Amino acid sequence: MTSTIQISEETKELISTFGTKKETYEDIIKRLYTLAVKEQFREFIFSSEKAIPIDEAIKRAKQKWQK
């Protein structure tokens, strides 16, 4: 099943700049969607107020688990 969406010629041109000649608009949009989901996840993970830099995490772990 397919659907038709209306976009401006400008938006259509912008979308086409992300693709190759072999890609359809659907291919391009799906790829952009996948990238957007990954970016949202990355922002969620790294925006946590409780997040600490990896160097600090290693330092804390070494202090907690001394031999």
C-alpha atoms as a PDB file:
ATOM      1  CA  MET A   1       0.000   0.000   0.000  1.00  0.00           C
ATOM      2  CA  THR A   2       1.307   3.445  -0.813  1.00  0.00           C
ATOM      3  CA  SER A   3       0.408   6.971   0.152  1.00  0.00           C
ATOM      4  CA  THR A   4       0.900  10.318  -1.476  1.00  0.00           C
ATOM      5  CA  ILE A   5       2.248  13.244   0.494  1.00  0.00           C
ATOM      6  CA  GLN A   6       2.510  16.827  -0.642  1.00  0.00           C
ATOM      7  CA  ILE A   7       5.811  18.601  -0.266  1.00  0.00           C
ATOM      8  CA  SER A   8       7.172  21.715  -1.898  1.00  0.00           C
ATOM      9  CA  GLU A   9       9.566  21.498  -4.814  1.00  0.00           C
ATOM     10  CA  GLU A  10      12.206  23.007  -2.523  1.00  0.00           C
ATOM     11  CA  THR A  11      11.768  20.210   0.039  1.00  0.00           C
ATOM     12  CA  LYS A  12      11.789  17.595  -2.706  1.00  0.00           C
ATOM     13  CA  GLU A  13      15.076  19.018  -4.001  1.00  0.00           C
ATOM     14  CA  LEU A  14      16.578  19.052  -0.492  1.00  0.00           C
ATOM     15  CA  ILE A  15      15.598  15.413   0.071  1.00  0.00           C
ATOM     16  CA  SER A  16      17.057  14.395  -3.276  1.00  0.00           C
ATOM     17  CA  THR A  17      20.465  15.810  -2.297  1.00  0.00           C
ATOM     18  CA  PHE A  18      20.754  13.051   0.316  1.00  0.00           C
ATOM     19  CA  GLY A  19      20.348  10.260  -2.198  1.00  0.00           C
ATOM     20  CA  THR A  20      22.033   8.631  -5.120  1.00  0.00           C
ATOM     21  CA  LYS A  21      20.585   8.175  -8.592  1.00  0.00           C
ATOM     22  CA  LYS A  22      19.617   4.601  -7.725  1.00  0.00           C
ATOM     23  CA  GLU A  23      17.680   5.546  -4.565  1.00  0.00           C
ATOM     24  CA  THR A  24      13.997   6.325  -4.467  1.00  0.00           C
ATOM     25  CA  TYR A  25      12.574   9.064  -2.281  1.00  0.00           C
ATOM     26  CA  GLU A  26      11.254   6.331  -0.014  1.00  0.00           C
ATOM     27  CA  ASP A  27      14.771   4.880   0.355  1.00  0.00           C
ATOM     28  CA  ILE A  28      16.161   8.305   1.222  1.00  0.00           C
ATOM     29  CA  ILE A  29      13.421   9.111   3.738  1.00  0.00           C
ATOM     30  CA  LYS A  30      13.787   5.730   5.455  1.00  0.00           C
ATOM     31  CA  ARG A  31      17.550   6.227   5.737  1.00  0.00           C
ATOM     32  CA  LEU A  32      17.078   9.743   7.132  1.00  0.00           C
ATOM     33  CA  TYR A  33      14.528   8.388   9.610  1.00  0.00           C
ATOM     34  CA  THR A  34      16.982   5.721  10.802  1.00  0.00           C
ATOM     35  CA  LEU A  35      19.681   8.351  11.282  1.00  0.00           C
ATOM     36  CA  ALA A  36      17.254  10.608  13.182  1.00  0.00           C
ATOM     37  CA  VAL A  37      16.282   7.773  15.540  1.00  0.00           C
ATOM     38  CA  LYS A  38      19.953   7.023  16.238  1.00  0.00           C
ATOM     39  CA  GLU A  39      20.628  10.711  16.893  1.00  0.00           C
ATOM     40  CA  GLN A  40      17.670  10.974  19.284  1.00  0.00           C
ATOM     41  CA  PHE A  41      18.937   7.914  21.169  1.00  0.00           C
ATOM     42  CA  ARG A  42      22.462   9.347  21.330  1.00  0.00           C
ATOM     43  CA  GLU A  43      21.133  12.655  22.657  1.00  0.00           C
ATOM     44  CA  PHE A  44      19.052  10.822  25.254  1.00  0.00           C
ATOM     45  CA  ILE A  45      21.999   8.748  26.441  1.00  0.00           C
ATOM     46  CA  PHE A  46      24.449  11.630  26.630  1.00  0.00           C
ATOM     47  CA  SER A  47      22.049  14.240  28.013  1.00  0.00           C
ATOM     48  CA  SER A  48      21.481  12.409  31.273  1.00  0.00           C
ATOM     49  CA  GLU A  49      22.375  14.555  34.263  1.00  0.00           C
ATOM     50  CA  LYS A  50      23.857  11.491  35.930  1.00  0.00           C
ATOM     51  CA  ALA A  51      26.212  10.771  33.039  1.00  0.00           C
ATOM     52  CA  ILE A  52      29.912  11.088  33.765  1.00  0.00           C
ATOM     53  CA  PRO A  53      32.915  11.024  31.434  1.00  0.00           C
ATOM     54  CA  ILE A  54      34.421   7.591  30.809  1.00  0.00           C
ATOM     55  CA  ASP A  55      37.701   8.593  32.482  1.00  0.00           C
ATOM     56  CA  GLU A  56      35.820   9.444  35.678  1.00  0.00           C
ATOM     57  CA  ALA A  57      33.862   6.179  35.512  1.00  0.00           C
ATOM     58  CA  ILE A  58      37.086   4.171  35.191  1.00  0.00           C
ATOM     59  CA  LYS A  59      38.642   6.060  38.104  1.00  0.00           C
ATOM     60  CA  ARG A  60      35.609   5.359  40.300  1.00  0.00           C
ATOM     61  CA  ALA A  61      35.553   1.696  39.309  1.00  0.00           C
ATOM     62  CA  LYS A  62      39.233   1.293  40.129  1.00  0.00           C
ATOM     63  CA  GLN A  63      38.702   2.870  43.546  1.00  0.00           C
ATOM     64  CA  LYS A  64      35.673   0.697  44.267  1.00  0.00           C
ATOM     65  CA  TRP A  65      37.207  -2.552  43.047  1.00  0.00           C
ATOM     66  CA  GLN A  66      40.765  -2.295  44.317  1.00  0.00           C
ATOM     67  CA  LYS A  67      42.658  -5.589  44.593  1.00  0.00           C
END
